[in-house]
Amino acid sequence: MSSNSPSGFYRQELNKTLWEVPERYQNLSPVGSGAYGSVCSSYDTKAEQRVAVKKLSRPFQSIIHAKRTYRELRLLKHMKHENVIGLLDVFTPSKSFEEFNDVYLVTHLMGADLNNIVKCQKLTDDHVQFLIYQILRGLKICHI
C-alpha cells in the first residue's frame, strides 16, 4: 500500500489511470471508459459480490462537470428499480477538502451493456420487444 494513500485504501494503475480505492474492493479489472469516466470490475470483499467501480473523470474541473457529478449522484441514490442501475457505494480517497478531486461510484456489475448486446448478436423480434419493455420500465421510474 502506498504511503500517500489514506488508511484503508490502496493504489493501482490501470490503462494509464491511477485508481485509489478502499481495500474492500479487490481484483480491479478494466471494463471500459468514456467521456465521463472509467469503469473497472472489482470484487467487494464486504458484500461478497462482483461490482462495477466508476472513477469520474475530472468531476470538479468546471461548474458544468460539478453539476453533472451532483446530478448523477443524486439520481442514482434515489433510483430503486430492477431496470435502473443501483448505487451501492460512493467514496473518495481525499483526506481533505483541498485534495478533493476524485469521486468513485460503485454499482452492480452488469454482464453486458446494451451496445454490446445489439452489436454481437442478431436479435429476434421477441428480444427487441423485451429489451424495449425493460428500457421503458426504467424510463418510467425515472420520470415519476
Protein backbone atom coordinates (compact mmCIF):
# COMPACT_ATOMS: atom_id res chain seq x y z
CA MET A 1 0.00 0.00 0.00
CA SER A 2 1.34 3.43 -0.92
CA SER A 3 2.23 5.77 1.93
CA ASN A 4 0.34 8.53 0.10
CA SER A 5 -2.94 6.60 0.25
CA PRO A 6 -5.26 7.18 3.18
CA SER A 7 -5.65 4.38 5.68
CA GLY A 8 -7.75 1.54 4.28
CA PHE A 9 -7.08 2.50 0.63
CA TYR A 10 -4.63 1.19 -1.96
CA ARG A 11 -3.39 2.48 -5.33
CA GLN A 12 -3.31 0.68 -8.65
CA GLU A 13 -2.64 1.95 -12.17
CA LEU A 14 -4.84 0.52 -14.93
CA ASN A 15 -4.82 1.74 -18.54
CA LYS A 16 -2.81 4.84 -17.57
CA THR A 17 -5.38 5.78 -14.90
CA LEU A 18 -4.48 5.81 -11.21
CA TRP A 19 -7.15 4.14 -9.08
CA GLU A 20 -7.19 4.72 -5.34
CA VAL A 21 -9.85 2.53 -3.77
CA PRO A 22 -10.79 1.07 -0.38
CA GLU A 23 -9.16 -2.27 0.38
CA ARG A 24 -12.60 -3.93 0.37
CA TYR A 25 -12.59 -3.61 -3.46
CA GLN A 26 -10.11 -6.19 -4.77
CA ASN A 27 -9.05 -7.52 -8.19
CA LEU A 28 -9.73 -4.38 -10.22
CA SER A 29 -10.08 -5.16 -13.91
CA PRO A 30 -10.82 -2.59 -16.66
CA VAL A 31 -14.30 -2.80 -18.20
CA GLY A 32 -14.49 0.37 -20.27
CA SER A 33 -14.14 4.11 -20.41
CA GLY A 34 -15.96 7.08 -21.84
CA ALA A 35 -16.23 10.83 -21.74
CA TYR A 36 -17.31 10.89 -18.09
CA GLY A 37 -15.00 8.31 -16.56
CA SER A 38 -13.55 4.83 -16.47
CA VAL A 39 -15.11 1.64 -15.12
CA CYS A 40 -13.47 -1.40 -13.55
CA SER A 41 -14.99 -4.57 -12.27
CA SER A 42 -13.98 -5.50 -8.75
CA TYR A 43 -14.72 -7.99 -6.02
CA ASP A 44 -16.34 -6.39 -2.97
CA THR A 45 -14.98 -8.45 -0.07
CA LYS A 46 -17.51 -6.97 2.35
CA ALA A 47 -20.63 -7.70 0.25
CA GLU A 48 -19.01 -10.80 -1.30
CA GLN A 49 -20.05 -9.92 -4.85
CA ARG A 50 -18.64 -8.55 -8.10
CA VAL A 51 -19.30 -4.84 -8.57
CA ALA A 52 -18.56 -2.05 -11.04
CA VAL A 53 -16.41 0.84 -9.79
CA LYS A 54 -16.63 4.04 -11.84
CA LYS A 55 -13.98 6.72 -11.45
CA LEU A 56 -15.47 10.00 -12.61
CA SER A 57 -13.23 11.94 -14.96
CA ARG A 58 -12.39 15.42 -13.64
CA PRO A 59 -15.66 15.76 -11.68
CA PHE A 60 -14.87 19.29 -10.46
CA GLN A 61 -12.97 20.66 -13.45
CA SER A 62 -15.72 23.22 -14.07
CA ILE A 63 -19.17 24.17 -12.80
CA ILE A 64 -20.69 22.04 -15.58
CA HIS A 65 -18.66 18.97 -14.52
CA ALA A 66 -19.55 19.55 -10.86
CA LYS A 67 -23.26 19.81 -11.67
CA ARG A 68 -23.07 16.65 -13.79
CA THR A 69 -21.40 14.81 -10.90
CA TYR A 70 -24.02 16.04 -8.44
CA ARG A 71 -26.91 15.07 -10.74
CA GLU A 72 -25.55 11.58 -11.35
CA LEU A 73 -25.09 11.00 -7.63
CA ARG A 74 -28.49 12.39 -6.71
CA LEU A 75 -30.34 10.40 -9.39
CA LEU A 76 -28.56 7.11 -8.71
CA LYS A 77 -29.12 7.49 -4.97
CA HIS A 78 -32.89 7.69 -5.38
CA MET A 79 -33.43 5.17 -8.19
CA LYS A 80 -34.55 1.86 -6.69
CA HIS A 81 -35.86 -0.32 -9.51
CA GLU A 82 -34.83 -3.55 -11.19
CA ASN A 83 -34.47 -1.80 -14.57
CA VAL A 84 -32.30 1.05 -13.27
CA ILE A 85 -28.73 0.57 -12.09
CA GLY A 86 -28.47 0.90 -8.32
CA LEU A 87 -25.85 2.85 -6.38
CA LEU A 88 -24.12 0.67 -3.78
CA ASP A 89 -21.36 2.98 -2.54
CA VAL A 90 -19.68 6.34 -3.14
CA PHE A 91 -16.20 7.22 -1.94
CA THR A 92 -13.22 9.48 -2.35
CA PRO A 93 -9.65 8.82 -1.22
CA SER A 94 -9.21 12.52 -0.45
CA LYS A 95 -8.09 13.34 3.07
CA SER A 96 -9.15 16.99 2.95
CA PHE A 97 -11.33 19.41 1.01
CA GLU A 98 -8.24 20.83 -0.71
CA GLU A 99 -7.36 17.36 -2.05
CA PHE A 100 -10.95 16.50 -3.04
CA ASN A 101 -10.53 15.74 -6.76
CA ASP A 102 -11.74 12.18 -7.29
CA VAL A 103 -15.17 10.62 -6.91
CA TYR A 104 -15.86 6.91 -7.30
CA LEU A 105 -19.29 5.31 -7.71
CA VAL A 106 -19.94 1.63 -7.02
CA THR A 107 -22.86 -0.13 -8.72
CA HIS A 108 -23.94 -3.65 -9.52
CA LEU A 109 -21.84 -5.22 -12.26
CA MET A 110 -23.88 -5.97 -15.36
CA GLY A 111 -22.98 -8.93 -17.55
CA ALA A 112 -23.11 -6.81 -20.72
CA ASP A 113 -24.20 -3.41 -21.92
CA LEU A 114 -26.93 -2.81 -24.45
CA ASN A 115 -24.47 -1.65 -27.10
CA ASN A 116 -22.58 -4.97 -26.93
CA ILE A 117 -25.79 -7.00 -26.98
CA VAL A 118 -27.03 -5.23 -30.12
CA LYS A 119 -23.63 -5.43 -31.88
CA CYS A 120 -22.74 -9.02 -31.04
CA GLN A 121 -25.88 -10.94 -31.86
CA LYS A 122 -28.86 -10.95 -34.15
CA LEU A 123 -31.88 -10.06 -32.09
CA THR A 124 -35.23 -11.69 -32.67
CA ASP A 125 -38.42 -9.66 -32.55
CA ASP A 126 -39.09 -11.16 -29.10
CA HIS A 127 -35.66 -9.99 -27.87
CA VAL A 128 -36.24 -6.48 -29.20
CA GLN A 129 -39.70 -6.35 -27.64
CA PHE A 130 -38.36 -7.48 -24.26
CA LEU A 131 -35.43 -5.02 -24.35
CA ILE A 132 -37.72 -2.11 -25.21
CA TYR A 133 -40.10 -3.18 -22.44
CA GLN A 134 -37.23 -3.11 -19.92
CA ILE A 135 -35.99 0.27 -21.16
CA LEU A 136 -39.48 1.76 -20.92
CA ARG A 137 -39.95 0.39 -17.39
CA GLY A 138 -36.66 2.00 -16.33
CA LEU A 139 -37.54 5.26 -18.08
CA LYS A 140 -40.95 5.34 -16.41
CA ILE A 141 -39.45 5.11 -12.91
CA CYS A 142 -37.02 7.94 -13.78
CA HIS A 143 -39.93 10.25 -14.61
CA ILE A 144 -42.12 9.64 -11.58
